[in-house]
Amino acid sequence: MYKYDGSKYHALTTIHELGHTLGLPHTFETSSSAKHQFYQGYTDNIMDYNDKLDPSGINQDIQLNEFYENNLASFKWQWDIIRNDRSIY
């Protein structure tokens, strides 16, 4: 995947990618499994990105999510997806 250098960014990326492995979509994508949709870069959710995308879908002068490096939250509906995924056990 990549060489882990001990940085918080790489640790968060690993957790984010593990979320995809467990069936979690991005918080800003329309998906049959997502219960809610948010604008990209506006939540503290681990499945969000660190750069903001304005509502039109165009990156305007890259703005960082104010939760940058602290995207540690998860939603109950995400835990429900993980619990209901029978492929992991």
C-alpha atoms as a PDB file:
ATOM      1  CA  MET A   1       0.000   0.000   0.000  1.00  0.00           C
ATOM      2  CA  TYR A   2       2.583   2.552   1.124  1.00  0.00           C
ATOM      3  CA  LYS A   3       5.414   2.817   3.603  1.00  0.00           C
ATOM      4  CA  TYR A   4       3.984   3.874   6.952  1.00  0.00           C
ATOM      5  CA  ASP A   5       6.135   6.663   8.367  1.00  0.00           C
ATOM      6  CA  GLY A   6       4.370   6.969  11.715  1.00  0.00           C
ATOM      7  CA  SER A   7       2.557  10.181  10.796  1.00  0.00           C
ATOM      8  CA  LYS A   8      -0.984  10.868  11.918  1.00  0.00           C
ATOM      9  CA  TYR A   9      -1.972  11.466   8.281  1.00  0.00           C
ATOM     10  CA  HIS A  10      -0.922   7.956   7.243  1.00  0.00           C
ATOM     11  CA  ALA A  11      -2.683   6.448  10.266  1.00  0.00           C
ATOM     12  CA  LEU A  12      -5.924   8.262   9.369  1.00  0.00           C
ATOM     13  CA  THR A  13      -5.596   7.227   5.727  1.00  0.00           C
ATOM     14  CA  THR A  14      -5.202   3.602   6.806  1.00  0.00           C
ATOM     15  CA  ILE A  15      -8.331   3.816   8.970  1.00  0.00           C
ATOM     16  CA  HIS A  16     -10.232   5.529   6.120  1.00  0.00           C
ATOM     17  CA  GLU A  17      -9.246   2.796   3.654  1.00  0.00           C
ATOM     18  CA  LEU A  18     -10.119   0.104   6.191  1.00  0.00           C
ATOM     19  CA  GLY A  19     -13.576   1.709   6.360  1.00  0.00           C
ATOM     20  CA  HIS A  20     -13.931   1.147   2.602  1.00  0.00           C
ATOM     21  CA  THR A  21     -12.864  -2.474   3.089  1.00  0.00           C
ATOM     22  CA  LEU A  22     -15.659  -2.839   5.641  1.00  0.00           C
ATOM     23  CA  GLY A  23     -18.194  -1.477   3.146  1.00  0.00           C
ATOM     24  CA  LEU A  24     -18.365   2.194   4.145  1.00  0.00           C
ATOM     25  CA  PRO A  25     -18.906   4.825   1.449  1.00  0.00           C
ATOM     26  CA  HIS A  26     -17.587   8.388   1.620  1.00  0.00           C
ATOM     27  CA  THR A  27     -19.913  10.680   3.580  1.00  0.00           C
ATOM     28  CA  PHE A  28     -20.287  12.887   0.493  1.00  0.00           C
ATOM     29  CA  GLU A  29     -21.230  10.184  -2.026  1.00  0.00           C
ATOM     30  CA  THR A  30     -24.672   8.965  -2.913  1.00  0.00           C
ATOM     31  CA  SER A  31     -24.834   5.280  -2.077  1.00  0.00           C
ATOM     32  CA  SER A  32     -27.512   2.707  -1.374  1.00  0.00           C
ATOM     33  CA  SER A  33     -25.827   2.007   1.974  1.00  0.00           C
ATOM     34  CA  ALA A  34     -25.351   5.665   3.032  1.00  0.00           C
ATOM     35  CA  LYS A  35     -28.162   6.996   5.177  1.00  0.00           C
ATOM     36  CA  HIS A  36     -27.115  10.639   4.863  1.00  0.00           C
ATOM     37  CA  GLN A  37     -25.041  12.731   2.478  1.00  0.00           C
ATOM     38  CA  PHE A  38     -22.873  15.725   3.398  1.00  0.00           C
ATOM     39  CA  TYR A  39     -20.738  18.157   1.434  1.00  0.00           C
ATOM     40  CA  GLN A  40     -17.145  16.981   1.026  1.00  0.00           C
ATOM     41  CA  GLY A  41     -14.810  18.266   3.722  1.00  0.00           C
ATOM     42  CA  TYR A  42     -17.407  19.517   6.189  1.00  0.00           C
ATOM     43  CA  THR A  43     -17.561  16.733   8.787  1.00  0.00           C
ATOM     44  CA  ASP A  44     -15.247  15.165  11.347  1.00  0.00           C
ATOM     45  CA  ASN A  45     -16.144  11.716  10.017  1.00  0.00           C
ATOM     46  CA  ILE A  46     -13.333   9.300   9.159  1.00  0.00           C
ATOM     47  CA  MET A  47     -14.958   8.678   5.752  1.00  0.00           C
ATOM     48  CA  ASP A  48     -14.826  12.366   4.773  1.00  0.00           C
ATOM     49  CA  TYR A  49     -11.917  14.078   2.999  1.00  0.00           C
ATOM     50  CA  ASN A  50      -9.629  16.809   4.282  1.00  0.00           C
ATOM     51  CA  ASP A  51     -10.295  19.254   1.436  1.00  0.00           C
ATOM     52  CA  LYS A  52     -13.577  21.090   1.014  1.00  0.00           C
ATOM     53  CA  LEU A  53     -15.602  20.920  -2.154  1.00  0.00           C
ATOM     54  CA  ASP A  54     -18.178  23.638  -2.545  1.00  0.00           C
ATOM     55  CA  PRO A  55     -21.821  22.609  -3.089  1.00  0.00           C
ATOM     56  CA  SER A  56     -21.455  23.008  -6.876  1.00  0.00           C
ATOM     57  CA  GLY A  57     -18.826  20.232  -6.815  1.00  0.00           C
ATOM     58  CA  ILE A  58     -15.927  22.464  -7.814  1.00  0.00           C
ATOM     59  CA  ASN A  59     -12.822  22.843  -5.675  1.00  0.00           C
ATOM     60  CA  GLN A  60     -12.436  26.567  -5.086  1.00  0.00           C
ATOM     61  CA  ASP A  61      -8.941  27.431  -3.855  1.00  0.00           C
ATOM     62  CA  ILE A  62      -8.322  24.338  -1.776  1.00  0.00           C
ATOM     63  CA  GLN A  63      -9.752  24.928   1.667  1.00  0.00           C
ATOM     64  CA  LEU A  64      -8.980  22.479   4.391  1.00  0.00           C
ATOM     65  CA  ASN A  65     -11.672  20.861   6.434  1.00  0.00           C
ATOM     66  CA  GLU A  66     -11.424  22.508   9.856  1.00  0.00           C
ATOM     67  CA  PHE A  67     -11.321  19.004  11.330  1.00  0.00           C
ATOM     68  CA  TYR A  68      -8.127  18.255   9.336  1.00  0.00           C
ATOM     69  CA  GLU A  69      -6.147  15.526  11.123  1.00  0.00           C
ATOM     70  CA  ASN A  70      -9.059  15.069  13.527  1.00  0.00           C
ATOM     71  CA  ASN A  71     -11.483  13.185  11.305  1.00  0.00           C
ATOM     72  CA  LEU A  72     -12.118  10.559  13.964  1.00  0.00           C
ATOM     73  CA  ALA A  73     -15.906  10.359  14.264  1.00  0.00           C
ATOM     74  CA  SER A  74     -18.216   7.732  12.859  1.00  0.00           C
ATOM     75  CA  PHE A  75     -21.985   7.647  12.563  1.00  0.00           C
ATOM     76  CA  LYS A  76     -24.309   4.981  13.945  1.00  0.00           C
ATOM     77  CA  TRP A  77     -25.491   4.067  10.442  1.00  0.00           C
ATOM     78  CA  GLN A  78     -21.859   3.327   9.511  1.00  0.00           C
ATOM     79  CA  TRP A  79     -21.528   0.933  12.454  1.00  0.00           C
ATOM     80  CA  ASP A  80     -24.773  -0.714  11.334  1.00  0.00           C
ATOM     81  CA  ILE A  81     -23.254  -1.333   7.876  1.00  0.00           C
ATOM     82  CA  ILE A  82     -20.184  -2.939   9.442  1.00  0.00           C
ATOM     83  CA  ARG A  83     -22.259  -5.087  11.817  1.00  0.00           C
ATOM     84  CA  ASN A  84     -24.521  -6.276   8.995  1.00  0.00           C
ATOM     85  CA  ASP A  85     -21.655  -7.202   6.651  1.00  0.00           C
ATOM     86  CA  ARG A  86     -21.582 -10.990   6.885  1.00  0.00           C
ATOM     87  CA  SER A  87     -18.508 -11.253   4.633  1.00  0.00           C
ATOM     88  CA  ILE A  88     -16.162 -10.272   7.461  1.00  0.00           C
ATOM     89  CA  TYR A  89     -16.833 -13.352   9.595  1.00  0.00           C
END
